[in-house]
């Protein structure tokens, strides 16, 4: 996986469901094993992003609990 890349997605200022829609779109563009680092400030993302990973089969590598929230997902 040495050729995997990390993309960044800033969804600061956006409110549900916009962050999830943009995350889903960006994840579809990534290759298997690539990472997506998301910066968000909507408190709903602390619940919604882990749920999104569970339902779509992505791996939640890390998540912060204070805003701005930083999530790292693996496709």
N, C-alpha and C. Protein backbone atom coordinates (compact mmCIF):
# COMPACT_ATOMS: atom_id res chain seq x y z
N UNK A 1 0.81 -1.20 0.00
CA UNK A 1 0.00 0.00 0.00
C UNK A 1 0.85 1.26 0.00
N UNK A 2 2.08 1.15 -0.43
CA UNK A 2 2.97 2.30 -0.39
C UNK A 2 2.53 3.38 -1.37
N UNK A 3 1.73 3.02 -2.37
CA UNK A 3 1.29 4.03 -3.33
C UNK A 3 -0.06 4.64 -2.96
N UNK A 4 -0.55 4.36 -1.75
CA UNK A 4 -1.80 4.95 -1.28
C UNK A 4 -1.60 6.42 -1.01
N UNK A 5 -2.66 7.17 -1.22
CA UNK A 5 -2.55 8.61 -1.00
C UNK A 5 -3.52 9.05 0.08
N UNK A 6 -3.28 10.24 0.59
CA UNK A 6 -4.18 10.86 1.56
C UNK A 6 -4.76 12.13 0.96
N UNK A 7 -6.07 12.19 0.89
CA UNK A 7 -6.77 13.38 0.41
C UNK A 7 -7.34 14.12 1.61
N UNK A 8 -7.56 15.42 1.46
CA UNK A 8 -8.16 16.21 2.53
C UNK A 8 -9.48 16.79 2.04
N UNK A 9 -10.44 16.88 2.97
CA UNK A 9 -11.75 17.43 2.66
C UNK A 9 -12.16 18.35 3.79
N UNK A 10 -12.39 19.61 3.49
CA UNK A 10 -12.79 20.61 4.47
C UNK A 10 -14.29 20.85 4.33
N UNK A 11 -15.05 20.49 5.36
CA UNK A 11 -16.50 20.72 5.34
C UNK A 11 -16.90 21.68 6.47
N UNK A 12 -15.96 22.51 6.89
CA UNK A 12 -16.25 23.49 7.94
C UNK A 12 -17.37 24.42 7.49
N UNK A 13 -18.28 24.70 8.40
CA UNK A 13 -19.40 25.60 8.10
C UNK A 13 -20.59 24.92 7.46
N UNK A 14 -20.44 23.69 7.04
CA UNK A 14 -21.55 22.97 6.41
C UNK A 14 -22.31 22.17 7.46
N UNK A 15 -23.60 22.03 7.26
CA UNK A 15 -24.46 21.31 8.19
C UNK A 15 -25.09 20.12 7.48
N UNK A 16 -25.42 19.12 8.27
CA UNK A 16 -26.04 17.90 7.79
C UNK A 16 -27.21 18.23 6.86
N UNK A 17 -27.30 17.59 5.72
CA UNK A 17 -26.56 16.42 5.26
C UNK A 17 -25.37 16.74 4.34
N UNK A 18 -25.05 18.01 4.14
CA UNK A 18 -23.99 18.36 3.19
C UNK A 18 -22.65 17.67 3.45
N UNK A 19 -22.14 17.65 4.69
CA UNK A 19 -20.85 16.98 4.89
C UNK A 19 -20.86 15.52 4.44
N UNK A 20 -21.92 14.80 4.77
CA UNK A 20 -21.99 13.38 4.38
C UNK A 20 -22.05 13.20 2.88
N UNK A 21 -22.77 14.08 2.20
CA UNK A 21 -22.86 13.98 0.75
C UNK A 21 -21.48 14.20 0.12
N UNK A 22 -20.74 15.18 0.62
CA UNK A 22 -19.40 15.46 0.08
C UNK A 22 -18.42 14.35 0.43
N UNK A 23 -18.53 13.78 1.62
CA UNK A 23 -17.66 12.68 2.03
C UNK A 23 -17.90 11.47 1.13
N UNK A 24 -19.16 11.13 0.91
CA UNK A 24 -19.48 9.99 0.05
C UNK A 24 -18.93 10.19 -1.36
N UNK A 25 -19.11 11.39 -1.89
CA UNK A 25 -18.63 11.71 -3.24
C UNK A 25 -17.11 11.56 -3.31
N UNK A 26 -16.41 12.13 -2.33
CA UNK A 26 -14.94 12.07 -2.32
C UNK A 26 -14.45 10.64 -2.15
N UNK A 27 -15.08 9.86 -1.27
CA UNK A 27 -14.66 8.47 -1.05
C UNK A 27 -14.80 7.64 -2.33
N UNK A 28 -15.83 7.92 -3.12
CA UNK A 28 -16.01 7.19 -4.38
C UNK A 28 -14.87 7.47 -5.36
N UNK A 29 -14.25 8.64 -5.23
CA UNK A 29 -13.15 9.03 -6.13
C UNK A 29 -11.82 8.39 -5.75
N UNK A 30 -11.72 7.90 -4.51
CA UNK A 30 -10.46 7.35 -4.01
C UNK A 30 -10.30 5.89 -4.41
N UNK A 31 -9.05 5.45 -4.43
CA UNK A 31 -8.74 4.04 -4.70
C UNK A 31 -8.77 3.27 -3.39
N UNK A 32 -8.92 1.96 -3.50
CA UNK A 32 -8.91 1.09 -2.32
C UNK A 32 -7.62 1.31 -1.52
N UNK A 33 -7.76 1.55 -0.21
CA UNK A 33 -6.62 1.76 0.67
C UNK A 33 -6.25 3.22 0.88
N UNK A 34 -6.75 4.11 0.02
CA UNK A 34 -6.47 5.54 0.19
C UNK A 34 -7.14 6.08 1.45
N UNK A 35 -6.60 7.17 1.96
CA UNK A 35 -7.13 7.81 3.17
C UNK A 35 -7.79 9.13 2.82
N UNK A 36 -8.80 9.48 3.61
CA UNK A 36 -9.45 10.78 3.51
C UNK A 36 -9.46 11.41 4.89
N UNK A 37 -8.86 12.60 4.98
CA UNK A 37 -8.85 13.36 6.23
C UNK A 37 -9.90 14.46 6.11
N UNK A 38 -10.88 14.43 7.00
CA UNK A 38 -12.02 15.35 6.96
C UNK A 38 -11.93 16.30 8.14
N UNK A 39 -12.14 17.59 7.88
CA UNK A 39 -12.23 18.60 8.93
C UNK A 39 -13.66 19.13 8.92
N UNK A 40 -14.34 19.01 10.06
CA UNK A 40 -15.75 19.40 10.17
C UNK A 40 -15.99 20.12 11.49
N UNK A 41 -17.08 20.89 11.52
CA UNK A 41 -17.45 21.54 12.78
C UNK A 41 -18.91 21.31 13.15
N UNK A 42 -19.63 20.52 12.36
CA UNK A 42 -21.01 20.17 12.68
C UNK A 42 -21.00 19.03 13.70
N UNK A 43 -21.56 19.26 14.90
CA UNK A 43 -21.56 18.20 15.92
C UNK A 43 -22.20 16.90 15.45
N UNK A 44 -23.12 16.98 14.51
CA UNK A 44 -23.77 15.77 14.00
C UNK A 44 -22.78 14.83 13.31
N UNK A 45 -21.66 15.36 12.82
CA UNK A 45 -20.70 14.50 12.13
C UNK A 45 -20.06 13.50 13.08
N UNK A 46 -20.03 13.79 14.38
CA UNK A 46 -19.43 12.85 15.34
C UNK A 46 -20.24 11.56 15.41
N UNK A 47 -21.50 11.63 15.06
CA UNK A 47 -22.36 10.44 15.01
C UNK A 47 -22.46 9.93 13.57
N UNK A 48 -22.60 10.86 12.63
CA UNK A 48 -22.90 10.48 11.24
C UNK A 48 -21.72 9.85 10.51
N UNK A 49 -20.50 10.35 10.73
CA UNK A 49 -19.35 9.80 10.01
C UNK A 49 -19.08 8.35 10.41
N UNK A 50 -19.04 8.01 11.72
CA UNK A 50 -18.88 6.58 12.06
C UNK A 50 -19.99 5.70 11.48
N UNK A 51 -21.24 6.19 11.49
CA UNK A 51 -22.35 5.43 10.91
C UNK A 51 -22.16 5.23 9.42
N UNK A 52 -21.69 6.27 8.73
CA UNK A 52 -21.43 6.17 7.30
C UNK A 52 -20.40 5.08 7.02
N UNK A 53 -19.34 5.06 7.83
CA UNK A 53 -18.30 4.03 7.66
C UNK A 53 -18.87 2.63 7.84
N UNK A 54 -19.69 2.46 8.86
CA UNK A 54 -20.29 1.16 9.14
C UNK A 54 -21.15 0.70 7.97
N UNK A 55 -21.98 1.60 7.45
CA UNK A 55 -22.92 1.23 6.39
C UNK A 55 -22.27 1.04 5.04
N UNK A 56 -21.17 1.77 4.76
CA UNK A 56 -20.56 1.69 3.44
C UNK A 56 -19.26 0.90 3.42
N UNK A 57 -18.84 0.39 4.58
CA UNK A 57 -17.67 -0.49 4.62
C UNK A 57 -16.33 0.23 4.64
N UNK A 58 -16.31 1.50 5.00
CA UNK A 58 -15.04 2.23 5.14
C UNK A 58 -14.50 2.01 6.54
N UNK A 59 -13.21 2.24 6.72
CA UNK A 59 -12.58 2.09 8.03
C UNK A 59 -12.34 3.46 8.64
N UNK A 60 -12.87 3.67 9.84
CA UNK A 60 -12.62 4.91 10.57
C UNK A 60 -11.31 4.73 11.32
N UNK A 61 -10.25 5.39 10.87
CA UNK A 61 -8.92 5.25 11.46
C UNK A 61 -8.83 6.05 12.75
N UNK A 62 -9.33 7.29 12.72
CA UNK A 62 -9.29 8.14 13.92
C UNK A 62 -10.35 9.22 13.83
N UNK A 63 -10.72 9.74 15.02
CA UNK A 63 -11.70 10.82 15.10
C UNK A 63 -11.43 11.60 16.38
N UNK A 64 -11.49 12.92 16.28
CA UNK A 64 -11.33 13.75 17.47
C UNK A 64 -12.70 14.02 18.06
N UNK A 65 -12.73 14.39 19.34
CA UNK A 65 -14.01 14.59 20.01
C UNK A 65 -14.31 16.06 20.28
N UNK A 66 -13.41 16.95 19.91
CA UNK A 66 -13.61 18.39 20.09
C UNK A 66 -13.51 19.09 18.74
N UNK A 67 -14.33 20.14 18.54
CA UNK A 67 -14.26 20.85 17.26
C UNK A 67 -12.97 21.68 17.15
N UNK A 68 -12.43 21.84 15.94
CA UNK A 68 -12.95 21.21 14.73
C UNK A 68 -12.67 19.70 14.78
N UNK A 69 -13.65 18.94 14.34
CA UNK A 69 -13.54 17.50 14.35
C UNK A 69 -12.68 17.05 13.16
N UNK A 70 -11.75 16.17 13.44
CA UNK A 70 -10.89 15.62 12.39
C UNK A 70 -11.14 14.10 12.32
N UNK A 71 -11.54 13.65 11.16
CA UNK A 71 -11.79 12.23 10.93
C UNK A 71 -10.80 11.74 9.87
N UNK A 72 -10.28 10.55 10.06
CA UNK A 72 -9.46 9.92 9.03
C UNK A 72 -10.13 8.60 8.67
N UNK A 73 -10.48 8.46 7.39
CA UNK A 73 -11.16 7.28 6.88
C UNK A 73 -10.29 6.59 5.86
N UNK A 74 -10.37 5.27 5.83
CA UNK A 74 -9.68 4.48 4.78
C UNK A 74 -10.75 3.87 3.90
N UNK A 75 -10.51 4.01 2.61
CA UNK A 75 -11.44 3.40 1.65
C UNK A 75 -11.15 1.92 1.54
